[in-house]
Amino acid sequence: MAHWISMYIFIQLGANALIATFFGYLIGLLTNYFFQYHFVFKSSAPHYFLFPRYLAGAVLGGVTNYGVFKALLEYGNETLFAQVIATASVTFVNYLICRRYVFNEKD
């Protein structure tokens, strides 16, 4: 949600859609980490250990989001449609990465 809201604001302020989705993704990334750390996985591990792992997974998600979004825009799709598909393609993968790698405190 943070990604979408900030992306919308950036576009309304005149930003290019690709720039808007990039910065929206960064804002969403930080918001998502906070909620996953505290509420989804209820982690007690230190941030200096988990956040770099989270960033590694987020880079993969960010590249996927950007690539899918850009490809859909280049094929003439509307911004909203392209972002819905990009978000859907990344959401499940990001959750699995977080569950199996980032917040898996057994490693």
PDB file of N, CA and C in Angstrom:
ATOM      1  N   MET A   1       0.822  -1.192   0.000  1.00  0.00           N
ATOM      2  CA  MET A   1       0.000   0.000   0.000  1.00  0.00           C
ATOM      3  C   MET A   1       0.872   1.264   0.000  1.00  0.00           C
ATOM      4  N   ALA A   2       1.946   1.227   0.788  1.00  0.00           N
ATOM      5  CA  ALA A   2       2.835   2.400   0.835  1.00  0.00           C
ATOM      6  C   ALA A   2       3.452   2.660  -0.534  1.00  0.00           C
ATOM      7  N   HIS A   3       3.792   1.580  -1.241  1.00  0.00           N
ATOM      8  CA  HIS A   3       4.347   1.707  -2.592  1.00  0.00           C
ATOM      9  C   HIS A   3       3.345   2.432  -3.491  1.00  0.00           C
ATOM     10  N   TRP A   4       2.119   1.966  -3.463  1.00  0.00           N
ATOM     11  CA  TRP A   4       1.091   2.515  -4.348  1.00  0.00           C
ATOM     12  C   TRP A   4       0.772   3.971  -4.027  1.00  0.00           C
ATOM     13  N   ILE A   5       0.620   4.273  -2.766  1.00  0.00           N
ATOM     14  CA  ILE A   5       0.280   5.650  -2.372  1.00  0.00           C
ATOM     15  C   ILE A   5       1.402   6.604  -2.757  1.00  0.00           C
ATOM     16  N   SER A   6       2.632   6.227  -2.438  1.00  0.00           N
ATOM     17  CA  SER A   6       3.744   7.119  -2.770  1.00  0.00           C
ATOM     18  C   SER A   6       3.942   7.217  -4.282  1.00  0.00           C
ATOM     19  N   MET A   7       3.740   6.117  -4.996  1.00  0.00           N
ATOM     20  CA  MET A   7       3.841   6.156  -6.451  1.00  0.00           C
ATOM     21  C   MET A   7       2.803   7.127  -7.033  1.00  0.00           C
ATOM     22  N   TYR A   8       1.594   7.034  -6.524  1.00  0.00           N
ATOM     23  CA  TYR A   8       0.528   7.937  -6.975  1.00  0.00           C
ATOM     24  C   TYR A   8       0.910   9.402  -6.727  1.00  0.00           C
ATOM     25  N   ILE A   9       1.432   9.669  -5.544  1.00  0.00           N
ATOM     26  CA  ILE A   9       1.826  11.048  -5.205  1.00  0.00           C
ATOM     27  C   ILE A   9       2.927  11.528  -6.137  1.00  0.00           C
ATOM     28  N   PHE A  10       3.933  10.696  -6.371  1.00  0.00           N
ATOM     29  CA  PHE A  10       5.027  11.091  -7.268  1.00  0.00           C
ATOM     30  C   PHE A  10       4.514  11.376  -8.681  1.00  0.00           C
ATOM     31  N   ILE A  11       3.614  10.543  -9.175  1.00  0.00           N
ATOM     32  CA  ILE A  11       3.055  10.763 -10.513  1.00  0.00           C
ATOM     33  C   ILE A  11       2.249  12.062 -10.543  1.00  0.00           C
ATOM     34  N   GLN A  12       1.464  12.309  -9.502  1.00  0.00           N
ATOM     35  CA  GLN A  12       0.684  13.549  -9.437  1.00  0.00           C
ATOM     36  C   GLN A  12       1.584  14.780  -9.391  1.00  0.00           C
ATOM     37  N   LEU A  13       2.782  14.613  -8.844  1.00  0.00           N
ATOM     38  CA  LEU A  13       3.742  15.716  -8.795  1.00  0.00           C
ATOM     39  C   LEU A  13       4.531  15.855 -10.092  1.00  0.00           C
ATOM     40  N   GLY A  14       4.243  14.968 -11.074  1.00  0.00           N
ATOM     41  CA  GLY A  14       4.859  15.088 -12.388  1.00  0.00           C
ATOM     42  C   GLY A  14       6.002  14.135 -12.665  1.00  0.00           C
ATOM     43  N   ALA A  15       6.264  13.204 -11.765  1.00  0.00           N
ATOM     44  CA  ALA A  15       7.364  12.257 -11.981  1.00  0.00           C
ATOM     45  C   ALA A  15       7.001  11.256 -13.072  1.00  0.00           C
ATOM     46  N   ASN A  16       7.997  10.808 -13.779  1.00  0.00           N
ATOM     47  CA  ASN A  16       7.872   9.730 -14.744  1.00  0.00           C
ATOM     48  C   ASN A  16       7.408   8.479 -14.001  1.00  0.00           C
ATOM     49  N   ALA A  17       6.585   7.654 -14.631  1.00  0.00           N
ATOM     50  CA  ALA A  17       6.037   6.468 -13.981  1.00  0.00           C
ATOM     51  C   ALA A  17       7.124   5.507 -13.504  1.00  0.00           C
ATOM     52  N   LEU A  18       8.203   5.348 -14.272  1.00  0.00           N
ATOM     53  CA  LEU A  18       9.277   4.443 -13.859  1.00  0.00           C
ATOM     54  C   LEU A  18      10.012   4.974 -12.629  1.00  0.00           C
ATOM     55  N   ILE A  19      10.225   6.276 -12.573  1.00  0.00           N
ATOM     56  CA  ILE A  19      10.852   6.892 -11.399  1.00  0.00           C
ATOM     57  C   ILE A  19       9.912   6.780 -10.206  1.00  0.00           C
ATOM     58  N   ALA A  20       8.640   7.018 -10.439  1.00  0.00           N
ATOM     59  CA  ALA A  20       7.649   6.948  -9.363  1.00  0.00           C
ATOM     60  C   ALA A  20       7.569   5.544  -8.774  1.00  0.00           C
ATOM     61  N   THR A  21       7.592   4.514  -9.615  1.00  0.00           N
ATOM     62  CA  THR A  21       7.508   3.157  -9.081  1.00  0.00           C
ATOM     63  C   THR A  21       8.796   2.771  -8.353  1.00  0.00           C
ATOM     64  N   PHE A  22       9.927   3.293  -8.781  1.00  0.00           N
ATOM     65  CA  PHE A  22      11.188   3.013  -8.094  1.00  0.00           C
ATOM     66  C   PHE A  22      11.170   3.573  -6.674  1.00  0.00           C
ATOM     67  N   PHE A  23      10.840   4.862  -6.553  1.00  0.00           N
ATOM     68  CA  PHE A  23      10.821   5.470  -5.221  1.00  0.00           C
ATOM     69  C   PHE A  23       9.660   4.935  -4.377  1.00  0.00           C
ATOM     70  N   GLY A  24       8.559   4.624  -5.024  1.00  0.00           N
ATOM     71  CA  GLY A  24       7.457   3.986  -4.309  1.00  0.00           C
ATOM     72  C   GLY A  24       7.874   2.637  -3.754  1.00  0.00           C
ATOM     73  N   TYR A  25       8.646   1.896  -4.534  1.00  0.00           N
ATOM     74  CA  TYR A  25       9.127   0.598  -4.083  1.00  0.00           C
ATOM     75  C   TYR A  25      10.032   0.750  -2.857  1.00  0.00           C
ATOM     76  N   LEU A  26      10.894   1.759  -2.862  1.00  0.00           N
ATOM     77  CA  LEU A  26      11.780   1.981  -1.714  1.00  0.00           C
ATOM     78  C   LEU A  26      10.982   2.311  -0.445  1.00  0.00           C
ATOM     79  N   ILE A  27       9.987   3.157  -0.577  1.00  0.00           N
ATOM     80  CA  ILE A  27       9.149   3.504   0.571  1.00  0.00           C
ATOM     81  C   ILE A  27       8.379   2.274   1.047  1.00  0.00           C
ATOM     82  N   GLY A  28       7.852   1.522   0.113  1.00  0.00           N
ATOM     83  CA  GLY A  28       7.160   0.284   0.459  1.00  0.00           C
ATOM     84  C   GLY A  28       8.082  -0.729   1.112  1.00  0.00           C
ATOM     85  N   LEU A  29       9.317  -0.794   0.651  1.00  0.00           N
ATOM     86  CA  LEU A  29      10.300  -1.709   1.210  1.00  0.00           C
ATOM     87  C   LEU A  29      10.509  -1.445   2.699  1.00  0.00           C
ATOM     88  N   LEU A  30      10.726  -0.208   3.062  1.00  0.00           N
ATOM     89  CA  LEU A  30      10.951   0.137   4.472  1.00  0.00           C
ATOM     90  C   LEU A  30       9.709  -0.126   5.319  1.00  0.00           C
ATOM     91  N   THR A  31       8.561   0.222   4.786  1.00  0.00           N
ATOM     92  CA  THR A  31       7.309  -0.015   5.503  1.00  0.00           C
ATOM     93  C   THR A  31       7.073  -1.513   5.677  1.00  0.00           C
ATOM     94  N   ASN A  32       7.300  -2.271   4.624  1.00  0.00           N
ATOM     95  CA  ASN A  32       7.101  -3.712   4.652  1.00  0.00           C
ATOM     96  C   ASN A  32       8.039  -4.380   5.663  1.00  0.00           C
ATOM     97  N   TYR A  33       9.297  -3.955   5.686  1.00  0.00           N
ATOM     98  CA  TYR A  33      10.247  -4.525   6.644  1.00  0.00           C
ATOM     99  C   TYR A  33       9.746  -4.311   8.078  1.00  0.00           C
ATOM    100  N   PHE A  34       9.307  -3.115   8.379  1.00  0.00           N
ATOM    101  CA  PHE A  34       8.807  -2.803   9.720  1.00  0.00           C
ATOM    102  C   PHE A  34       7.668  -3.738  10.116  1.00  0.00           C
ATOM    103  N   PHE A  35       6.687  -3.882   9.238  1.00  0.00           N
ATOM    104  CA  PHE A  35       5.529  -4.716   9.565  1.00  0.00           C
ATOM    105  C   PHE A  35       5.878  -6.204   9.604  1.00  0.00           C
ATOM    106  N   GLN A  36       6.734  -6.652   8.704  1.00  0.00           N
ATOM    107  CA  GLN A  36       7.119  -8.066   8.734  1.00  0.00           C
ATOM    108  C   GLN A  36       7.940  -8.377   9.984  1.00  0.00           C
ATOM    109  N   TYR A  37       8.834  -7.493  10.335  1.00  0.00           N
ATOM    110  CA  TYR A  37       9.672  -7.704  11.516  1.00  0.00           C
ATOM    111  C   TYR A  37       8.829  -7.778  12.784  1.00  0.00           C
ATOM    112  N   HIS A  38       7.935  -6.805  12.952  1.00  0.00           N
ATOM    113  CA  HIS A  38       7.185  -6.694  14.205  1.00  0.00           C
ATOM    114  C   HIS A  38       5.921  -7.542  14.263  1.00  0.00           C
ATOM    115  N   PHE A  39       5.226  -7.703  13.153  1.00  0.00           N
ATOM    116  CA  PHE A  39       3.892  -8.302  13.210  1.00  0.00           C
ATOM    117  C   PHE A  39       3.763  -9.655  12.498  1.00  0.00           C
ATOM    118  N   VAL A  40       4.367  -9.796  11.331  1.00  0.00           N
ATOM    119  CA  VAL A  40       4.199 -11.037  10.576  1.00  0.00           C
ATOM    120  C   VAL A  40       5.072 -12.149  11.169  1.00  0.00           C
ATOM    121  N   PHE A  41       6.363 -11.865  11.318  1.00  0.00           N
ATOM    122  CA  PHE A  41       7.281 -12.889  11.801  1.00  0.00           C
ATOM    123  C   PHE A  41       7.649 -12.711  13.275  1.00  0.00           C
ATOM    124  N   LYS A  42       7.267 -11.591  13.864  1.00  0.00           N
ATOM    125  CA  LYS A  42       7.509 -11.306  15.289  1.00  0.00           C
ATOM    126  C   LYS A  42       8.947 -11.655  15.675  1.00  0.00           C
ATOM    127  N   SER A  43       9.852 -11.089  14.937  1.00  0.00           N
ATOM    128  CA  SER A  43      11.263 -11.398  15.108  1.00  0.00           C
ATOM    129  C   SER A  43      11.851 -10.674  16.316  1.00  0.00           C
ATOM    130  N   SER A  44      12.848 -11.301  16.885  1.00  0.00           N
ATOM    131  CA  SER A  44      13.602 -10.664  17.961  1.00  0.00           C
ATOM    132  C   SER A  44      15.072 -10.528  17.586  1.00  0.00           C
ATOM    133  N   ALA A  45      15.418 -10.953  16.385  1.00  0.00           N
ATOM    134  CA  ALA A  45      16.796 -10.855  15.910  1.00  0.00           C
ATOM    135  C   ALA A  45      17.149  -9.385  15.685  1.00  0.00           C
ATOM    136  N   PRO A  46      18.407  -9.049  15.847  1.00  0.00           N
ATOM    137  CA  PRO A  46      18.809  -7.648  15.669  1.00  0.00           C
ATOM    138  C   PRO A  46      18.696  -7.200  14.202  1.00  0.00           C
ATOM    139  N   HIS A  47      18.393  -5.917  14.048  1.00  0.00           N
ATOM    140  CA  HIS A  47      18.239  -5.355  12.701  1.00  0.00           C
ATOM    141  C   HIS A  47      19.535  -5.450  11.904  1.00  0.00           C
ATOM    142  N   TYR A  48      20.683  -5.281  12.558  1.00  0.00           N
ATOM    143  CA  TYR A  48      21.947  -5.350  11.816  1.00  0.00           C
ATOM    144  C   TYR A  48      22.158  -6.723  11.182  1.00  0.00           C
ATOM    145  N   PHE A  49      21.493  -7.743  11.704  1.00  0.00           N
ATOM    146  CA  PHE A  49      21.562  -9.086  11.122  1.00  0.00           C
ATOM    147  C   PHE A  49      20.502  -9.272  10.040  1.00  0.00           C
ATOM    148  N   LEU A  50      19.270  -8.857  10.333  1.00  0.00           N
ATOM    149  CA  LEU A  50      18.160  -9.130   9.421  1.00  0.00           C
ATOM    150  C   LEU A  50      18.056  -8.153   8.256  1.00  0.00           C
ATOM    151  N   PHE A  51      18.285  -6.870   8.496  1.00  0.00           N
ATOM    152  CA  PHE A  51      18.042  -5.894   7.442  1.00  0.00           C
ATOM    153  C   PHE A  51      18.907  -6.126   6.198  1.00  0.00           C
ATOM    154  N   PRO A  52      20.183  -6.465   6.324  1.00  0.00           N
ATOM    155  CA  PRO A  52      20.949  -6.770   5.101  1.00  0.00           C
ATOM    156  C   PRO A  52      20.375  -7.978   4.336  1.00  0.00           C
ATOM    157  N   ARG A  53      19.888  -8.966   5.057  1.00  0.00           N
ATOM    158  CA  ARG A  53      19.261 -10.115   4.409  1.00  0.00           C
ATOM    159  C   ARG A  53      17.980  -9.678   3.700  1.00  0.00           C
ATOM    160  N   TYR A  54      17.231  -8.822   4.379  1.00  0.00           N
ATOM    161  CA  TYR A  54      15.998  -8.305   3.801  1.00  0.00           C
ATOM    162  C   TYR A  54      16.300  -7.523   2.516  1.00  0.00           C
ATOM    163  N   LEU A  55      17.335  -6.689   2.569  1.00  0.00           N
ATOM    164  CA  LEU A  55      17.708  -5.906   1.383  1.00  0.00           C
ATOM    165  C   LEU A  55      18.105  -6.797   0.212  1.00  0.00           C
ATOM    166  N   ALA A  56      18.801  -7.885   0.500  1.00  0.00           N
ATOM    167  CA  ALA A  56      19.190  -8.809  -0.579  1.00  0.00           C
ATOM    168  C   ALA A  56      17.953  -9.367  -1.276  1.00  0.00           C
ATOM    169  N   GLY A  57      16.975  -9.782  -0.493  1.00  0.00           N
ATOM    170  CA  GLY A  57      15.723 -10.277  -1.077  1.00  0.00           C
ATOM    171  C   GLY A  57      14.949  -9.176  -1.777  1.00  0.00           C
ATOM    172  N   ALA A  58      14.997  -7.980  -1.210  1.00  0.00           N
ATOM    173  CA  ALA A  58      14.260  -6.855  -1.781  1.00  0.00           C
ATOM    174  C   ALA A  58      14.843  -6.408  -3.121  1.00  0.00           C
ATOM    175  N   VAL A  59      16.136  -6.564  -3.279  1.00  0.00           N
ATOM    176  CA  VAL A  59      16.752  -6.219  -4.567  1.00  0.00           C
ATOM    177  C   VAL A  59      16.166  -7.099  -5.665  1.00  0.00           C
ATOM    178  N   LEU A  60      16.048  -8.385  -5.381  1.00  0.00           N
ATOM    179  CA  LEU A  60      15.436  -9.294  -6.346  1.00  0.00           C
ATOM    180  C   LEU A  60      13.997  -8.874  -6.636  1.00  0.00           C
ATOM    181  N   GLY A  61      13.251  -8.556  -5.598  1.00  0.00           N
ATOM    182  CA  GLY A  61      11.875  -8.095  -5.786  1.00  0.00           C
ATOM    183  C   GLY A  61      11.801  -6.789  -6.548  1.00  0.00           C
ATOM    184  N   GLY A  62      12.702  -5.871  -6.235  1.00  0.00           N
ATOM    185  CA  GLY A  62      12.714  -4.571  -6.922  1.00  0.00           C
ATOM    186  C   GLY A  62      13.041  -4.698  -8.396  1.00  0.00           C
ATOM    187  N   VAL A  63      14.000  -5.536  -8.711  1.00  0.00           N
ATOM    188  CA  VAL A  63      14.366  -5.757 -10.118  1.00  0.00           C
ATOM    189  C   VAL A  63      13.203  -6.408 -10.862  1.00  0.00           C
ATOM    190  N   THR A  64      12.563  -7.367 -10.216  1.00  0.00           N
ATOM    191  CA  THR A  64      11.403  -8.018 -10.829  1.00  0.00           C
ATOM    192  C   THR A  64      10.277  -7.026 -11.045  1.00  0.00           C
ATOM    193  N   ASN A  65       9.970  -6.227 -10.026  1.00  0.00           N
ATOM    194  CA  ASN A  65       8.916  -5.215 -10.132  1.00  0.00           C
ATOM    195  C   ASN A  65       9.208  -4.249 -11.275  1.00  0.00           C
ATOM    196  N   TYR A  66      10.416  -3.730 -11.307  1.00  0.00           N
ATOM    197  CA  TYR A  66      10.800  -2.761 -12.329  1.00  0.00           C
ATOM    198  C   TYR A  66      10.735  -3.375 -13.721  1.00  0.00           C
ATOM    199  N   GLY A  67      11.266  -4.596 -13.852  1.00  0.00           N
ATOM    200  CA  GLY A  67      11.291  -5.255 -15.159  1.00  0.00           C
ATOM    201  C   GLY A  67       9.908  -5.557 -15.698  1.00  0.00           C
ATOM    202  N   VAL A  68       9.053  -6.104 -14.852  1.00  0.00           N
ATOM    203  CA  VAL A  68       7.684  -6.417 -15.278  1.00  0.00           C
ATOM    204  C   VAL A  68       6.936  -5.130 -15.616  1.00  0.00           C
ATOM    205  N   PHE A  69       7.069  -4.135 -14.754  1.00  0.00           N
ATOM    206  CA  PHE A  69       6.390  -2.846 -14.961  1.00  0.00           C
ATOM    207  C   PHE A  69       6.844  -2.197 -16.267  1.00  0.00           C
ATOM    208  N   LYS A  70       8.143  -2.142 -16.479  1.00  0.00           N
ATOM    209  CA  LYS A  70       8.681  -1.510 -17.689  1.00  0.00           C
ATOM    210  C   LYS A  70       8.242  -2.251 -18.943  1.00  0.00           C
ATOM    211  N   ALA A  71       8.313  -3.579 -18.901  1.00  0.00           N
ATOM    212  CA  ALA A  71       7.913  -4.373 -20.070  1.00  0.00           C
ATOM    213  C   ALA A  71       6.444  -4.145 -20.405  1.00  0.00           C
ATOM    214  N   LEU A  72       5.595  -4.119 -19.391  1.00  0.00           N
ATOM    215  CA  LEU A  72       4.172  -3.903 -19.643  1.00  0.00           C
ATOM    216  C   LEU A  72       3.895  -2.502 -20.182  1.00  0.00           C
ATOM    217  N   LEU A  73       4.616  -1.503 -19.666  1.00  0.00           N
ATOM    218  CA  LEU A  73       4.456  -0.142 -20.202  1.00  0.00           C
ATOM    219  C   LEU A  73       4.902  -0.077 -21.657  1.00  0.00           C
ATOM    220  N   GLU A  74       6.008  -0.724 -21.971  1.00  0.00           N
ATOM    221  CA  GLU A  74       6.533  -0.698 -23.339  1.00  0.00           C
ATOM    222  C   GLU A  74       5.604  -1.390 -24.328  1.00  0.00           C
ATOM    223  N   TYR A  75       4.806  -2.331 -23.845  1.00  0.00           N
ATOM    224  CA  TYR A  75       3.832  -2.996 -24.715  1.00  0.00           C
ATOM    225  C   TYR A  75       2.507  -2.249 -24.760  1.00  0.00           C
ATOM    226  N   GLY A  76       2.498  -1.014 -24.227  1.00  0.00           N
ATOM    227  CA  GLY A  76       1.344  -0.153 -24.377  1.00  0.00           C
ATOM    228  C   GLY A  76       0.283  -0.266 -23.303  1.00  0.00           C
ATOM    229  N   ASN A  77       0.582  -0.935 -22.205  1.00  0.00           N
ATOM    230  CA  ASN A  77      -0.398  -1.058 -21.128  1.00  0.00           C
ATOM    231  C   ASN A  77      -0.461   0.217 -20.294  1.00  0.00           C
ATOM    232  N   GLU A  78      -1.589   0.429 -19.669  1.00  0.00           N
ATOM    233  CA  GLU A  78      -1.774   1.569 -18.770  1.00  0.00           C
ATOM    234  C   GLU A  78      -0.923   1.388 -17.515  1.00  0.00           C
ATOM    235  N   THR A  79      -0.553   2.510 -16.897  1.00  0.00           N
ATOM    236  CA  THR A  79       0.284   2.493 -15.699  1.00  0.00           C
ATOM    237  C   THR A  79      -0.333   1.658 -14.589  1.00  0.00           C
ATOM    238  N   LEU A  80      -1.607   1.860 -14.311  1.00  0.00           N
ATOM    239  CA  LEU A  80      -2.256   1.145 -13.215  1.00  0.00           C
ATOM    240  C   LEU A  80      -2.245  -0.366 -13.455  1.00  0.00           C
ATOM    241  N   PHE A  81      -2.609  -0.783 -14.643  1.00  0.00           N
ATOM    242  CA  PHE A  81      -2.612  -2.207 -14.968  1.00  0.00           C
ATOM    243  C   PHE A  81      -1.209  -2.798 -14.818  1.00  0.00           C
ATOM    244  N   ALA A  82      -0.217  -2.084 -15.356  1.00  0.00           N
ATOM    245  CA  ALA A  82       1.161  -2.570 -15.297  1.00  0.00           C
ATOM    246  C   ALA A  82       1.619  -2.730 -13.851  1.00  0.00           C
ATOM    247  N   GLN A  83       1.255  -1.787 -12.984  1.00  0.00           N
ATOM    248  CA  GLN A  83       1.686  -1.878 -11.596  1.00  0.00           C
ATOM    249  C   GLN A  83       0.942  -2.985 -10.843  1.00  0.00           C
ATOM    250  N   VAL A  84      -0.318  -3.212 -11.163  1.00  0.00           N
ATOM    251  CA  VAL A  84      -1.066  -4.314 -10.531  1.00  0.00           C
ATOM    252  C   VAL A  84      -0.388  -5.646 -10.849  1.00  0.00           C
ATOM    253  N   ILE A  85      -0.057  -5.855 -12.101  1.00  0.00           N
ATOM    254  CA  ILE A  85       0.585  -7.103 -12.506  1.00  0.00           C
ATOM    255  C   ILE A  85       1.974  -7.228 -11.897  1.00  0.00           C
ATOM    256  N   ALA A  86       2.738  -6.135 -11.900  1.00  0.00           N
ATOM    257  CA  ALA A  86       4.077  -6.164 -11.312  1.00  0.00           C
ATOM    258  C   ALA A  86       4.009  -6.475  -9.819  1.00  0.00           C
ATOM    259  N   THR A  87       3.088  -5.848  -9.112  1.00  0.00           N
ATOM    260  CA  THR A  87       2.942  -6.086  -7.680  1.00  0.00           C
ATOM    261  C   THR A  87       2.551  -7.533  -7.405  1.00  0.00           C
ATOM    262  N   ALA A  88       1.618  -8.037  -8.169  1.00  0.00           N
ATOM    263  CA  ALA A  88       1.183  -9.420  -7.990  1.00  0.00           C
ATOM    264  C   ALA A  88       2.329 -10.397  -8.240  1.00  0.00           C
ATOM    265  N   SER A  89       3.171 -10.091  -9.208  1.00  0.00           N
ATOM    266  CA  SER A  89       4.268 -10.999  -9.536  1.00  0.00           C
ATOM    267  C   SER A  89       5.344 -11.024  -8.459  1.00  0.00           C
ATOM    268  N   VAL A  90       5.428  -9.983  -7.668  1.00  0.00           N
ATOM    269  CA  VAL A  90       6.479  -9.858  -6.666  1.00  0.00           C
ATOM    270  C   VAL A  90       6.014 -10.259  -5.265  1.00  0.00           C
ATOM    271  N   THR A  91       4.766 -10.058  -4.942  1.00  0.00           N
ATOM    272  CA  THR A  91       4.276 -10.231  -3.571  1.00  0.00           C
ATOM    273  C   THR A  91       4.550 -11.617  -3.005  1.00  0.00           C
ATOM    274  N   PHE A  92       4.148 -12.632  -3.697  1.00  0.00           N
ATOM    275  CA  PHE A  92       4.300 -13.993  -3.190  1.00  0.00           C
ATOM    276  C   PHE A  92       5.774 -14.381  -3.074  1.00  0.00           C
ATOM    277  N   VAL A  93       6.564 -14.030  -4.071  1.00  0.00           N
ATOM    278  CA  VAL A  93       7.989 -14.348  -4.056  1.00  0.00           C
ATOM    279  C   VAL A  93       8.671 -13.660  -2.875  1.00  0.00           C
ATOM    280  N   ASN A  94       8.344 -12.399  -2.630  1.00  0.00           N
ATOM    281  CA  ASN A  94       8.937 -11.680  -1.503  1.00  0.00           C
ATOM    282  C   ASN A  94       8.587 -12.337  -0.170  1.00  0.00           C
ATOM    283  N   TYR A  95       7.346 -12.770  -0.028  1.00  0.00           N
ATOM    284  CA  TYR A  95       6.951 -13.435   1.210  1.00  0.00           C
ATOM    285  C   TYR A  95       7.769 -14.711   1.428  1.00  0.00           C
ATOM    286  N   LEU A  96       7.915 -15.509   0.378  1.00  0.00           N
ATOM    287  CA  LEU A  96       8.685 -16.750   0.507  1.00  0.00           C
ATOM    288  C   LEU A  96      10.146 -16.476   0.860  1.00  0.00           C
ATOM    289  N   ILE A  97      10.726 -15.469   0.245  1.00  0.00           N
ATOM    290  CA  ILE A  97      12.113 -15.101   0.555  1.00  0.00           C
ATOM    291  C   ILE A  97      12.223 -14.704   2.024  1.00  0.00           C
ATOM    292  N   CYS A  98      11.278 -13.919   2.503  1.00  0.00           N
ATOM    293  CA  CYS A  98      11.311 -13.492   3.897  1.00  0.00           C
ATOM    294  C   CYS A  98      11.118 -14.674   4.846  1.00  0.00           C
ATOM    295  N   ARG A  99      10.206 -15.529   4.509  1.00  0.00           N
ATOM    296  CA  ARG A  99       9.904 -16.665   5.382  1.00  0.00           C
ATOM    297  C   ARG A  99      11.062 -17.664   5.440  1.00  0.00           C
ATOM    298  N   ARG A 100      11.638 -17.960   4.291  1.00  0.00           N
ATOM    299  CA  ARG A 100      12.653 -19.018   4.240  1.00  0.00           C
ATOM    300  C   ARG A 100      14.077 -18.521   4.455  1.00  0.00           C
ATOM    301  N   TYR A 101      14.316 -17.238   4.230  1.00  0.00           N
ATOM    302  CA  TYR A 101      15.687 -16.744   4.334  1.00  0.00           C
ATOM    303  C   TYR A 101      15.833 -15.603   5.338  1.00  0.00           C
ATOM    304  N   VAL A 102      15.110 -14.540   5.136  1.00  0.00           N
ATOM    305  CA  VAL A 102      15.321 -13.328   5.940  1.00  0.00           C
ATOM    306  C   VAL A 102      15.008 -13.552   7.406  1.00  0.00           C
ATOM    307  N   PHE A 103      13.798 -13.983   7.714  1.00  0.00           N
ATOM    308  CA  PHE A 103      13.357 -14.105   9.094  1.00  0.00           C
ATOM    309  C   PHE A 103      13.462 -15.533   9.619  1.00  0.00           C
ATOM    310  N   ASN A 104      14.151 -16.384   8.909  1.00  0.00           N
ATOM    311  CA  ASN A 104      14.391 -17.744   9.366  1.00  0.00           C
ATOM    312  C   ASN A 104      15.574 -17.691  10.325  1.00  0.00           C
ATOM    313  N   GLU A 105      15.307 -17.582  11.604  1.00  0.00           N
ATOM    314  CA  GLU A 105      16.348 -17.368  12.599  1.00  0.00           C
ATOM    315  C   GLU A 105      17.084 -18.655  12.957  1.00  0.00           C
ATOM    316  N   LYS A 106      16.769 -19.737  12.287  1.00  0.00           N
ATOM    317  CA  LYS A 106      17.484 -20.999  12.510  1.00  0.00           C
ATOM    318  C   LYS A 106      18.826 -21.020  11.795  1.00  0.00           C
ATOM    319  N   ASP A 107      18.966 -20.138  10.804  1.00  0.00           N
ATOM    320  CA  ASP A 107      20.239 -20.071  10.041  1.00  0.00           C
ATOM    321  C   ASP A 107      21.330 -19.418  10.854  1.00  0.00           C
TER     322      ASP A 107
END
